Amino acid sequence: MTKAAVNGQDEAPNSIERVVAGLRPHARVLFWPTVVLVTVFGATGYFYGSMPEPWQNTALAAGAVAVVVLLWLLPLATWLNRRYTITTRRIIFRRGFFVRTRQELLHSRGYDVTVRKTWLQSLSGSGDVLINAGLEHPLVLADVPNADLVQQVLHDLMEQSQTLIGSRRQVQSALADQAPVWHGR
C-alpha cells in the first residue's frame, strides 16, 4: 500500500471502488408483521392451557408457530435479504432467500433516475427510486429511505464517472496522435 493510500488519498481519481451507501427497503414494511406477532403471542398465551383436550393446546401452539413463520418470519427474511449497495463505480442489487439474484449497473453506462413516492412514503421520507438504463423494465430501489438524496447521489456519481471516462478518452486520443508511426519494409 502506498503512502497516499494510507493517508486516505487515492493515487488516481476513482482508482479504488468505495461503498457510498448500503440501503434496504424502509423498515416500515415490518409494522404489520410485528402487530401479527404480538397478537399471536397474546392470543396464544391467553388461550393456551384453557382448552378442554390436551391435543387442542398442541394444535393451538402449532397453529401459532405456523402463523408466526408465515406472517412474521418470511416478511422479515425477505426484508433482510433485499439490499442495494451504491459504490463509486456501480449499483449492486441483491435479493432472494433460496434463490439469490445479484444485478449490477455501472455508473459509466449512464441511466435515468426517477423518484416515485406514495403518500405514505412521503410521510416517512422514503420512496421508490427507478433507474432506467435502457432495459425493458427499470430497476427499482424499492421504498428506500431518503429517496431524493439517493437520486442526487446517483446523478453525481454518474456525472463523475462520465467525466472520468471523457478525460481518459482525451488522454488516449492525445497519446495516439503523438505516437510515432512505423513504416516497416
N, C-alpha and C. Protein backbone atom coordinates (compact mmCIF):
# COMPACT_ATOMS: atom_id res chain seq x y z
N MET A 1 0.85 -1.17 0.00
CA MET A 1 0.00 0.00 0.00
C MET A 1 0.89 1.23 0.00
N THR A 2 0.53 2.21 -0.80
CA THR A 2 1.35 3.41 -0.90
C THR A 2 1.04 4.38 0.22
N LYS A 3 1.91 5.37 0.37
CA LYS A 3 1.74 6.36 1.41
C LYS A 3 0.45 7.16 1.20
N ALA A 4 0.14 7.48 -0.07
CA ALA A 4 -1.08 8.23 -0.37
C ALA A 4 -2.32 7.43 0.01
N ALA A 5 -2.29 6.11 -0.24
CA ALA A 5 -3.43 5.27 0.11
C ALA A 5 -3.59 5.16 1.62
N VAL A 6 -2.48 5.12 2.35
CA VAL A 6 -2.53 5.04 3.81
C VAL A 6 -3.14 6.32 4.38
N ASN A 7 -2.82 7.46 3.78
CA ASN A 7 -3.33 8.74 4.25
C ASN A 7 -4.78 8.99 3.83
N GLY A 8 -5.39 8.03 3.11
CA GLY A 8 -6.77 8.18 2.71
C GLY A 8 -6.94 8.88 1.37
N GLN A 9 -5.86 9.07 0.63
CA GLN A 9 -5.94 9.72 -0.66
C GLN A 9 -5.74 8.69 -1.74
N ASP A 10 -6.50 8.81 -2.81
CA ASP A 10 -6.32 7.92 -3.94
C ASP A 10 -5.15 8.41 -4.77
N GLU A 11 -4.44 7.46 -5.36
CA GLU A 11 -3.35 7.84 -6.23
C GLU A 11 -3.89 8.45 -7.51
N ALA A 12 -4.98 7.92 -8.02
CA ALA A 12 -5.65 8.47 -9.18
C ALA A 12 -7.13 8.53 -8.84
N PRO A 13 -7.85 9.49 -9.42
CA PRO A 13 -9.28 9.58 -9.10
C PRO A 13 -9.99 8.28 -9.44
N ASN A 14 -10.85 7.85 -8.54
CA ASN A 14 -11.67 6.65 -8.71
C ASN A 14 -10.84 5.39 -8.94
N SER A 15 -9.61 5.34 -8.47
CA SER A 15 -8.81 4.13 -8.65
C SER A 15 -9.25 3.02 -7.70
N ILE A 16 -9.88 3.38 -6.59
CA ILE A 16 -10.36 2.39 -5.63
C ILE A 16 -11.87 2.53 -5.53
N GLU A 17 -12.56 1.41 -5.65
CA GLU A 17 -14.01 1.43 -5.52
C GLU A 17 -14.37 1.49 -4.04
N ARG A 18 -15.17 2.49 -3.68
CA ARG A 18 -15.60 2.67 -2.29
C ARG A 18 -17.11 2.57 -2.20
N VAL A 19 -17.58 2.06 -1.09
CA VAL A 19 -19.02 1.98 -0.86
C VAL A 19 -19.51 3.36 -0.42
N VAL A 20 -20.48 3.88 -1.13
CA VAL A 20 -21.05 5.18 -0.82
C VAL A 20 -22.24 5.00 0.12
N ALA A 21 -23.08 4.00 -0.16
CA ALA A 21 -24.27 3.77 0.67
C ALA A 21 -24.69 2.31 0.58
N GLY A 22 -25.14 1.79 1.70
CA GLY A 22 -25.76 0.47 1.75
C GLY A 22 -27.21 0.68 2.16
N LEU A 23 -28.14 0.25 1.33
CA LEU A 23 -29.55 0.53 1.56
C LEU A 23 -30.36 -0.76 1.58
N ARG A 24 -31.50 -0.69 2.23
CA ARG A 24 -32.51 -1.73 2.13
C ARG A 24 -33.85 -1.02 2.26
N PRO A 25 -34.94 -1.68 1.88
CA PRO A 25 -36.25 -1.02 1.98
C PRO A 25 -36.53 -0.51 3.39
N HIS A 26 -37.39 0.48 3.46
CA HIS A 26 -37.75 1.10 4.73
C HIS A 26 -38.31 0.04 5.68
N ALA A 27 -37.96 0.10 6.94
CA ALA A 27 -38.39 -0.90 7.93
C ALA A 27 -39.88 -0.80 8.24
N ARG A 28 -40.54 0.20 7.69
CA ARG A 28 -41.97 0.37 7.88
C ARG A 28 -42.73 -0.88 7.40
N VAL A 29 -42.18 -1.62 6.45
CA VAL A 29 -42.87 -2.82 5.93
C VAL A 29 -42.98 -3.91 6.99
N LEU A 30 -42.25 -3.78 8.08
CA LEU A 30 -42.32 -4.78 9.15
C LEU A 30 -43.33 -4.43 10.23
N PHE A 31 -44.07 -3.32 10.06
CA PHE A 31 -45.03 -2.90 11.07
C PHE A 31 -46.15 -3.94 11.25
N TRP A 32 -46.86 -4.28 10.17
CA TRP A 32 -47.98 -5.22 10.28
C TRP A 32 -47.53 -6.62 10.66
N PRO A 33 -46.43 -7.14 10.12
CA PRO A 33 -45.96 -8.44 10.62
C PRO A 33 -45.67 -8.43 12.12
N THR A 34 -45.17 -7.33 12.64
CA THR A 34 -44.89 -7.25 14.07
C THR A 34 -46.18 -7.18 14.88
N VAL A 35 -47.20 -6.49 14.36
CA VAL A 35 -48.51 -6.47 15.01
C VAL A 35 -49.08 -7.89 15.07
N VAL A 36 -48.93 -8.63 13.96
CA VAL A 36 -49.39 -10.02 13.93
C VAL A 36 -48.64 -10.84 14.97
N LEU A 37 -47.33 -10.66 15.08
CA LEU A 37 -46.52 -11.41 16.05
C LEU A 37 -47.00 -11.16 17.48
N VAL A 38 -47.19 -9.91 17.84
CA VAL A 38 -47.64 -9.58 19.20
C VAL A 38 -49.04 -10.13 19.45
N THR A 39 -49.92 -10.03 18.45
CA THR A 39 -51.29 -10.55 18.60
C THR A 39 -51.30 -12.06 18.77
N VAL A 40 -50.51 -12.75 17.96
CA VAL A 40 -50.46 -14.22 18.06
C VAL A 40 -49.91 -14.63 19.42
N PHE A 41 -48.84 -13.98 19.88
CA PHE A 41 -48.30 -14.32 21.20
C PHE A 41 -49.32 -14.04 22.31
N GLY A 42 -50.01 -12.92 22.20
CA GLY A 42 -51.02 -12.59 23.22
C GLY A 42 -52.16 -13.58 23.22
N ALA A 43 -52.68 -13.91 22.05
CA ALA A 43 -53.81 -14.85 21.96
C ALA A 43 -53.38 -16.25 22.38
N THR A 44 -52.19 -16.67 21.98
CA THR A 44 -51.72 -18.00 22.37
C THR A 44 -51.51 -18.08 23.88
N GLY A 45 -50.93 -17.05 24.45
CA GLY A 45 -50.73 -17.02 25.90
C GLY A 45 -52.04 -17.02 26.66
N TYR A 46 -53.04 -16.36 26.13
CA TYR A 46 -54.33 -16.29 26.79
C TYR A 46 -55.09 -17.62 26.71
N PHE A 47 -55.10 -18.23 25.51
CA PHE A 47 -55.91 -19.44 25.31
C PHE A 47 -55.18 -20.74 25.60
N TYR A 48 -53.85 -20.74 25.60
CA TYR A 48 -53.12 -22.00 25.81
C TYR A 48 -53.34 -22.49 27.24
N GLY A 49 -53.66 -23.72 27.38
CA GLY A 49 -53.92 -24.32 28.70
C GLY A 49 -55.37 -24.28 29.09
N SER A 50 -56.19 -23.53 28.40
CA SER A 50 -57.61 -23.46 28.76
C SER A 50 -58.48 -24.33 27.85
N MET A 51 -57.86 -25.05 26.96
CA MET A 51 -58.61 -25.93 26.05
C MET A 51 -58.99 -27.22 26.81
N PRO A 52 -60.16 -27.81 26.48
CA PRO A 52 -60.61 -29.00 27.22
C PRO A 52 -59.75 -30.24 26.95
N GLU A 53 -59.20 -30.36 25.77
CA GLU A 53 -58.39 -31.54 25.42
C GLU A 53 -56.93 -31.13 25.24
N PRO A 54 -55.98 -31.97 25.66
CA PRO A 54 -54.56 -31.64 25.50
C PRO A 54 -54.13 -31.46 24.05
N TRP A 55 -54.73 -32.24 23.14
CA TRP A 55 -54.34 -32.10 21.74
C TRP A 55 -54.73 -30.74 21.17
N GLN A 56 -55.78 -30.13 21.75
CA GLN A 56 -56.19 -28.81 21.29
C GLN A 56 -55.16 -27.74 21.66
N ASN A 57 -54.56 -27.91 22.83
CA ASN A 57 -53.47 -26.99 23.21
C ASN A 57 -52.28 -27.14 22.26
N THR A 58 -51.98 -28.39 21.92
CA THR A 58 -50.87 -28.64 20.99
C THR A 58 -51.19 -28.06 19.61
N ALA A 59 -52.44 -28.22 19.16
CA ALA A 59 -52.86 -27.67 17.86
C ALA A 59 -52.81 -26.15 17.88
N LEU A 60 -53.20 -25.55 19.00
CA LEU A 60 -53.13 -24.09 19.12
C LEU A 60 -51.69 -23.60 19.02
N ALA A 61 -50.78 -24.28 19.72
CA ALA A 61 -49.37 -23.90 19.65
C ALA A 61 -48.80 -24.10 18.25
N ALA A 62 -49.14 -25.20 17.61
CA ALA A 62 -48.65 -25.47 16.25
C ALA A 62 -49.21 -24.43 15.26
N GLY A 63 -50.47 -24.08 15.42
CA GLY A 63 -51.07 -23.05 14.57
C GLY A 63 -50.40 -21.70 14.77
N ALA A 64 -50.10 -21.38 16.02
CA ALA A 64 -49.42 -20.12 16.33
C ALA A 64 -48.03 -20.08 15.69
N VAL A 65 -47.31 -21.20 15.78
CA VAL A 65 -45.98 -21.26 15.16
C VAL A 65 -46.09 -21.09 13.65
N ALA A 66 -47.07 -21.73 13.03
CA ALA A 66 -47.25 -21.61 11.57
C ALA A 66 -47.57 -20.17 11.17
N VAL A 67 -48.45 -19.52 11.92
CA VAL A 67 -48.80 -18.13 11.61
C VAL A 67 -47.59 -17.22 11.78
N VAL A 68 -46.81 -17.42 12.83
CA VAL A 68 -45.62 -16.59 13.06
C VAL A 68 -44.61 -16.79 11.94
N VAL A 69 -44.41 -18.04 11.52
CA VAL A 69 -43.45 -18.30 10.43
C VAL A 69 -43.93 -17.65 9.14
N LEU A 70 -45.19 -17.82 8.79
CA LEU A 70 -45.70 -17.29 7.52
C LEU A 70 -45.87 -15.78 7.51
N LEU A 71 -46.35 -15.21 8.59
CA LEU A 71 -46.71 -13.80 8.58
C LEU A 71 -45.70 -12.88 9.26
N TRP A 72 -44.69 -13.43 9.94
CA TRP A 72 -43.66 -12.58 10.53
C TRP A 72 -42.27 -12.96 10.05
N LEU A 73 -41.91 -14.22 10.14
CA LEU A 73 -40.55 -14.64 9.80
C LEU A 73 -40.25 -14.49 8.31
N LEU A 74 -41.18 -14.88 7.44
CA LEU A 74 -40.94 -14.75 5.99
C LEU A 74 -40.82 -13.29 5.55
N PRO A 75 -41.72 -12.38 6.00
CA PRO A 75 -41.51 -10.97 5.64
C PRO A 75 -40.20 -10.40 6.18
N LEU A 76 -39.81 -10.83 7.39
CA LEU A 76 -38.54 -10.37 7.94
C LEU A 76 -37.36 -10.86 7.11
N ALA A 77 -37.39 -12.14 6.73
CA ALA A 77 -36.30 -12.69 5.91
C ALA A 77 -36.26 -12.02 4.54
N THR A 78 -37.43 -11.75 3.97
CA THR A 78 -37.48 -11.05 2.68
C THR A 78 -36.87 -9.66 2.80
N TRP A 79 -37.21 -8.96 3.85
CA TRP A 79 -36.68 -7.60 4.06
C TRP A 79 -35.17 -7.63 4.27
N LEU A 80 -34.70 -8.60 5.07
CA LEU A 80 -33.26 -8.69 5.33
C LEU A 80 -32.46 -9.08 4.10
N ASN A 81 -33.06 -9.81 3.18
CA ASN A 81 -32.34 -10.30 2.00
C ASN A 81 -32.51 -9.42 0.77
N ARG A 82 -33.01 -8.23 0.91
CA ARG A 82 -33.09 -7.28 -0.19
C ARG A 82 -32.18 -6.10 0.17
N ARG A 83 -31.06 -6.01 -0.55
CA ARG A 83 -30.08 -4.96 -0.26
C ARG A 83 -29.66 -4.27 -1.54
N TYR A 84 -29.36 -2.99 -1.41
CA TYR A 84 -28.84 -2.20 -2.51
C TYR A 84 -27.54 -1.56 -2.03
N THR A 85 -26.49 -1.71 -2.81
CA THR A 85 -25.21 -1.12 -2.45
C THR A 85 -24.82 -0.16 -3.57
N ILE A 86 -24.53 1.07 -3.19
CA ILE A 86 -24.08 2.07 -4.16
C ILE A 86 -22.60 2.31 -3.89
N THR A 87 -21.78 2.06 -4.91
CA THR A 87 -20.35 2.30 -4.80
C THR A 87 -19.98 3.44 -5.74
N THR A 88 -18.70 3.79 -5.75
CA THR A 88 -18.25 4.86 -6.63
C THR A 88 -18.26 4.44 -8.10
N ARG A 89 -18.40 3.15 -8.38
CA ARG A 89 -18.39 2.66 -9.76
C ARG A 89 -19.71 2.07 -10.24
N ARG A 90 -20.55 1.56 -9.31
CA ARG A 90 -21.73 0.83 -9.74
C ARG A 90 -22.79 0.78 -8.65
N ILE A 91 -23.95 0.26 -9.04
CA ILE A 91 -25.04 -0.03 -8.11
C ILE A 91 -25.22 -1.54 -8.13
N ILE A 92 -25.30 -2.13 -6.95
CA ILE A 92 -25.45 -3.59 -6.84
C ILE A 92 -26.80 -3.87 -6.19
N PHE A 93 -27.64 -4.66 -6.87
CA PHE A 93 -28.94 -5.07 -6.37
C PHE A 93 -28.82 -6.52 -5.93
N ARG A 94 -29.13 -6.81 -4.67
CA ARG A 94 -29.12 -8.18 -4.17
C ARG A 94 -30.48 -8.48 -3.57
N ARG A 95 -31.02 -9.64 -3.94
CA ARG A 95 -32.30 -10.05 -3.37
C ARG A 95 -32.41 -11.56 -3.43
N GLY A 96 -33.33 -12.08 -2.63
CA GLY A 96 -33.61 -13.51 -2.66
C GLY A 96 -33.18 -14.21 -1.41
N PHE A 97 -33.89 -15.27 -1.11
CA PHE A 97 -33.60 -16.07 0.08
C PHE A 97 -33.09 -17.44 -0.35
N PHE A 98 -33.90 -18.19 -1.06
CA PHE A 98 -33.49 -19.50 -1.54
C PHE A 98 -32.76 -19.38 -2.87
N VAL A 99 -33.24 -18.50 -3.72
CA VAL A 99 -32.59 -18.21 -4.99
C VAL A 99 -32.09 -16.78 -4.92
N ARG A 100 -30.79 -16.62 -4.87
CA ARG A 100 -30.20 -15.29 -4.72
C ARG A 100 -29.93 -14.69 -6.09
N THR A 101 -30.31 -13.44 -6.25
CA THR A 101 -30.10 -12.73 -7.50
C THR A 101 -29.24 -11.50 -7.22
N ARG A 102 -28.26 -11.28 -8.10
CA ARG A 102 -27.40 -10.11 -7.97
C ARG A 102 -27.33 -9.44 -9.34
N GLN A 103 -27.66 -8.15 -9.38
CA GLN A 103 -27.57 -7.37 -10.60
C GLN A 103 -26.65 -6.20 -10.33
N GLU A 104 -25.90 -5.81 -11.35
CA GLU A 104 -25.01 -4.67 -11.22
C GLU A 104 -25.26 -3.71 -12.38
N LEU A 105 -25.15 -2.44 -12.09
CA LEU A 105 -25.31 -1.41 -13.10
C LEU A 105 -24.18 -0.41 -12.92
N LEU A 106 -23.34 -0.28 -13.94
CA LEU A 106 -22.21 0.64 -13.88
C LEU A 106 -22.69 2.07 -14.09
N HIS A 107 -22.12 3.01 -13.32
CA HIS A 107 -22.45 4.42 -13.48
C HIS A 107 -21.99 4.92 -14.85
N SER A 108 -20.91 4.37 -15.37
CA SER A 108 -20.35 4.84 -16.63
C SER A 108 -21.26 4.54 -17.82
N ARG A 109 -22.20 3.63 -17.69
CA ARG A 109 -23.11 3.29 -18.79
C ARG A 109 -24.21 4.32 -18.95
N GLY A 110 -24.44 5.10 -17.93
CA GLY A 110 -25.47 6.14 -17.99
C GLY A 110 -26.86 5.57 -17.78
N TYR A 111 -27.70 6.32 -17.12
CA TYR A 111 -29.06 5.90 -16.84
C TYR A 111 -29.88 7.10 -16.42
N ASP A 112 -31.18 6.92 -16.38
CA ASP A 112 -32.10 7.97 -15.94
C ASP A 112 -32.63 7.57 -14.58
N VAL A 113 -32.67 8.52 -13.65
CA VAL A 113 -33.11 8.24 -12.28
C VAL A 113 -34.39 9.03 -11.99
N THR A 114 -35.41 8.31 -11.54
CA THR A 114 -36.70 8.92 -11.21
C THR A 114 -37.09 8.49 -9.80
N VAL A 115 -37.69 9.40 -9.06
CA VAL A 115 -38.19 9.08 -7.72
C VAL A 115 -39.72 9.09 -7.77
N ARG A 116 -40.32 8.04 -7.24
CA ARG A 116 -41.78 7.93 -7.17
C ARG A 116 -42.14 7.72 -5.70
N LYS A 117 -43.10 8.53 -5.20
CA LYS A 117 -43.50 8.44 -3.79
C LYS A 117 -45.01 8.32 -3.67
N THR A 118 -45.44 7.41 -2.80
CA THR A 118 -46.85 7.38 -2.43
C THR A 118 -47.04 8.33 -1.26
N TRP A 119 -48.27 8.55 -0.85
CA TRP A 119 -48.50 9.48 0.26
C TRP A 119 -47.88 8.95 1.55
N LEU A 120 -47.91 7.63 1.75
CA LEU A 120 -47.31 7.04 2.95
C LEU A 120 -45.79 7.17 2.93
N GLN A 121 -45.20 6.97 1.75
CA GLN A 121 -43.76 7.14 1.62
C GLN A 121 -43.36 8.59 1.85
N SER A 122 -44.17 9.52 1.40
CA SER A 122 -43.88 10.94 1.61
C SER A 122 -43.87 11.28 3.10
N LEU A 123 -44.76 10.68 3.86
CA LEU A 123 -44.81 10.92 5.30
C LEU A 123 -43.55 10.43 6.00
N SER A 124 -42.99 9.32 5.53
CA SER A 124 -41.82 8.75 6.19
C SER A 124 -40.51 9.16 5.52
N GLY A 125 -40.57 9.94 4.44
CA GLY A 125 -39.36 10.40 3.78
C GLY A 125 -38.70 9.36 2.89
N SER A 126 -39.44 8.34 2.53
CA SER A 126 -38.88 7.30 1.66
C SER A 126 -39.51 7.41 0.28
N GLY A 127 -39.13 6.49 -0.61
CA GLY A 127 -39.69 6.47 -1.95
C GLY A 127 -39.05 5.38 -2.78
N ASP A 128 -39.60 5.17 -3.97
CA ASP A 128 -39.05 4.21 -4.92
C ASP A 128 -38.15 4.97 -5.88
N VAL A 129 -36.93 4.50 -6.05
CA VAL A 129 -36.00 5.11 -7.00
C VAL A 129 -35.97 4.20 -8.22
N LEU A 130 -36.45 4.70 -9.34
CA LEU A 130 -36.50 3.94 -10.59
C LEU A 130 -35.29 4.31 -11.43
N ILE A 131 -34.54 3.31 -11.86
CA ILE A 131 -33.34 3.52 -12.66
C ILE A 131 -33.57 2.91 -14.02
N ASN A 132 -33.71 3.77 -15.03
CA ASN A 132 -33.95 3.31 -16.39
C ASN A 132 -32.63 3.34 -17.14
N ALA A 133 -32.10 2.15 -17.39
CA ALA A 133 -30.81 2.02 -18.07
C ALA A 133 -30.98 1.52 -19.49
N GLY A 134 -32.17 1.73 -20.06
CA GLY A 134 -32.41 1.26 -21.41
C GLY A 134 -32.88 -0.18 -21.45
N LEU A 135 -33.15 -0.76 -20.31
CA LEU A 135 -33.66 -2.13 -20.25
C LEU A 135 -35.17 -2.11 -20.46
N GLU A 136 -35.75 -3.27 -20.63
CA GLU A 136 -37.19 -3.36 -20.85
C GLU A 136 -37.97 -2.79 -19.67
N HIS A 137 -37.55 -3.16 -18.47
CA HIS A 137 -38.18 -2.66 -17.25
C HIS A 137 -37.12 -1.93 -16.43
N PRO A 138 -37.48 -0.81 -15.81
CA PRO A 138 -36.48 -0.12 -14.99
C PRO A 138 -36.14 -0.93 -13.74
N LEU A 139 -34.92 -0.77 -13.27
CA LEU A 139 -34.52 -1.37 -12.00
C LEU A 139 -35.06 -0.47 -10.89
N VAL A 140 -35.52 -1.07 -9.81
CA VAL A 140 -36.19 -0.29 -8.76
C VAL A 140 -35.49 -0.51 -7.43
N LEU A 141 -35.09 0.58 -6.80
CA LEU A 141 -34.68 0.55 -5.41
C LEU A 141 -35.97 0.81 -4.63
N ALA A 142 -36.60 -0.25 -4.17
CA ALA A 142 -37.95 -0.17 -3.62
C ALA A 142 -37.96 0.41 -2.21
N ASP A 143 -38.77 1.47 -2.03
CA ASP A 143 -39.07 2.04 -0.72
C ASP A 143 -37.83 2.34 0.11
N VAL A 144 -36.85 3.01 -0.48
CA VAL A 144 -35.62 3.34 0.25
C VAL A 144 -35.80 4.64 1.04
N PRO A 145 -35.21 4.73 2.22
CA PRO A 145 -35.23 5.98 2.97
C PRO A 145 -34.45 7.06 2.22
N ASN A 146 -34.85 8.30 2.37
CA ASN A 146 -34.19 9.46 1.76
C ASN A 146 -34.04 9.29 0.25
N ALA A 147 -35.12 8.99 -0.43
CA ALA A 147 -35.09 8.71 -1.87
C ALA A 147 -34.55 9.88 -2.67
N ASP A 148 -34.88 11.11 -2.27
CA ASP A 148 -34.39 12.28 -3.01
C ASP A 148 -32.87 12.40 -2.90
N LEU A 149 -32.33 12.11 -1.73
CA LEU A 149 -30.87 12.14 -1.55
C LEU A 149 -30.21 11.04 -2.36
N VAL A 150 -30.82 9.87 -2.41
CA VAL A 150 -30.28 8.76 -3.22
C VAL A 150 -30.24 9.17 -4.69
N GLN A 151 -31.31 9.81 -5.17
CA GLN A 151 -31.35 10.26 -6.56
C GLN A 151 -30.23 11.26 -6.83
N GLN A 152 -30.02 12.20 -5.94
CA GLN A 152 -28.96 13.21 -6.10
C GLN A 152 -27.58 12.56 -6.12
N VAL A 153 -27.34 11.61 -5.23
CA VAL A 153 -26.05 10.92 -5.17
C VAL A 153 -25.82 10.12 -6.45
N LEU A 154 -26.84 9.45 -6.95
CA LEU A 154 -26.69 8.68 -8.19
C LEU A 154 -26.38 9.59 -9.37
N HIS A 155 -27.04 10.76 -9.43
CA HIS A 155 -26.73 11.71 -10.50
C HIS A 155 -25.27 12.18 -10.41
N ASP A 156 -24.82 12.50 -9.20
CA ASP A 156 -23.44 12.95 -9.01
C ASP A 156 -22.43 11.87 -9.39
N LEU A 157 -22.68 10.64 -8.96
CA LEU A 157 -21.75 9.55 -9.28
C LEU A 157 -21.71 9.26 -10.78
N MET A 158 -22.87 9.33 -11.42
CA MET A 158 -22.90 9.10 -12.86
C MET A 158 -22.16 10.21 -13.60
N GLU A 159 -22.33 11.45 -13.16
CA GLU A 159 -21.63 12.58 -13.78
C GLU A 159 -20.12 12.46 -13.59
N GLN A 160 -19.68 12.09 -12.39
CA GLN A 160 -18.24 11.90 -12.15
C GLN A 160 -17.68 10.79 -13.02
N SER A 161 -18.42 9.72 -13.16
CA SER A 161 -17.97 8.60 -13.97
C SER A 161 -17.89 8.99 -15.43
N GLN A 162 -18.88 9.70 -15.92
CA GLN A 162 -18.87 10.15 -17.31
C GLN A 162 -17.71 11.12 -17.57
N THR A 163 -17.44 12.02 -16.62
CA THR A 163 -16.34 12.97 -16.75
C THR A 163 -15.01 12.24 -16.77
N LEU A 164 -14.85 11.25 -15.92
CA LEU A 164 -13.61 10.48 -15.87
C LEU A 164 -13.39 9.73 -17.18
N ILE A 165 -14.43 9.14 -17.72
CA ILE A 165 -14.29 8.41 -18.99
C ILE A 165 -13.95 9.38 -20.12
N GLY A 166 -14.58 10.55 -20.12
CA GLY A 166 -14.27 11.54 -21.15
C GLY A 166 -12.84 12.01 -21.09
N SER A 167 -12.32 12.23 -19.88
CA SER A 167 -10.92 12.67 -19.77
C SER A 167 -9.95 11.56 -20.15
N ARG A 168 -10.29 10.32 -19.84
CA ARG A 168 -9.43 9.21 -20.25
C ARG A 168 -9.38 9.07 -21.77
N ARG A 169 -10.52 9.28 -22.41
CA ARG A 169 -10.56 9.20 -23.88
C ARG A 169 -9.72 10.32 -24.50
N GLN A 170 -9.77 11.51 -23.90
CA GLN A 170 -8.97 12.61 -24.42
C GLN A 170 -7.49 12.31 -24.29
N VAL A 171 -7.09 11.74 -23.16
CA VAL A 171 -5.68 11.40 -22.96
C VAL A 171 -5.26 10.32 -23.95
N GLN A 172 -6.09 9.30 -24.13
CA GLN A 172 -5.75 8.22 -25.06
C GLN A 172 -5.67 8.75 -26.49
N SER A 173 -6.55 9.64 -26.85
CA SER A 173 -6.53 10.19 -28.20
C SER A 173 -5.29 11.07 -28.39
N ALA A 174 -4.89 11.83 -27.38
CA ALA A 174 -3.69 12.66 -27.48
C ALA A 174 -2.45 11.78 -27.58
N LEU A 175 -2.42 10.70 -26.82
CA LEU A 175 -1.27 9.79 -26.89
C LEU A 175 -1.21 9.09 -28.24
N ALA A 176 -2.35 8.75 -28.80
CA ALA A 176 -2.38 8.10 -30.11
C ALA A 176 -1.89 9.05 -31.19
N ASP A 177 -2.20 10.34 -31.06
CA ASP A 177 -1.75 11.33 -32.04
C ASP A 177 -0.25 11.55 -31.97
N GLN A 178 0.34 11.39 -30.78
CA GLN A 178 1.77 11.63 -30.59
C GLN A 178 2.61 10.40 -30.87
N ALA A 179 2.00 9.24 -30.95
CA ALA A 179 2.75 8.00 -31.15
C ALA A 179 3.41 8.00 -32.53
N PRO A 180 4.66 7.59 -32.60
CA PRO A 180 5.34 7.54 -33.90
C PRO A 180 4.73 6.44 -34.78
N VAL A 181 4.67 6.72 -36.02
CA VAL A 181 4.12 5.77 -36.97
C VAL A 181 5.30 4.99 -37.57
N TRP A 182 5.21 3.70 -37.55
CA TRP A 182 6.27 2.84 -38.04
C TRP A 182 5.93 2.37 -39.44
N HIS A 183 6.78 2.63 -40.34
CA HIS A 183 6.61 2.18 -41.71
C HIS A 183 7.65 1.11 -41.96
N GLY A 184 7.28 -0.13 -41.84
CA GLY A 184 8.24 -1.22 -41.99
C GLY A 184 8.43 -1.60 -43.45
N ARG A 185 9.61 -2.13 -43.72
CA ARG A 185 9.90 -2.59 -45.08
C ARG A 185 10.04 -4.05 -45.11
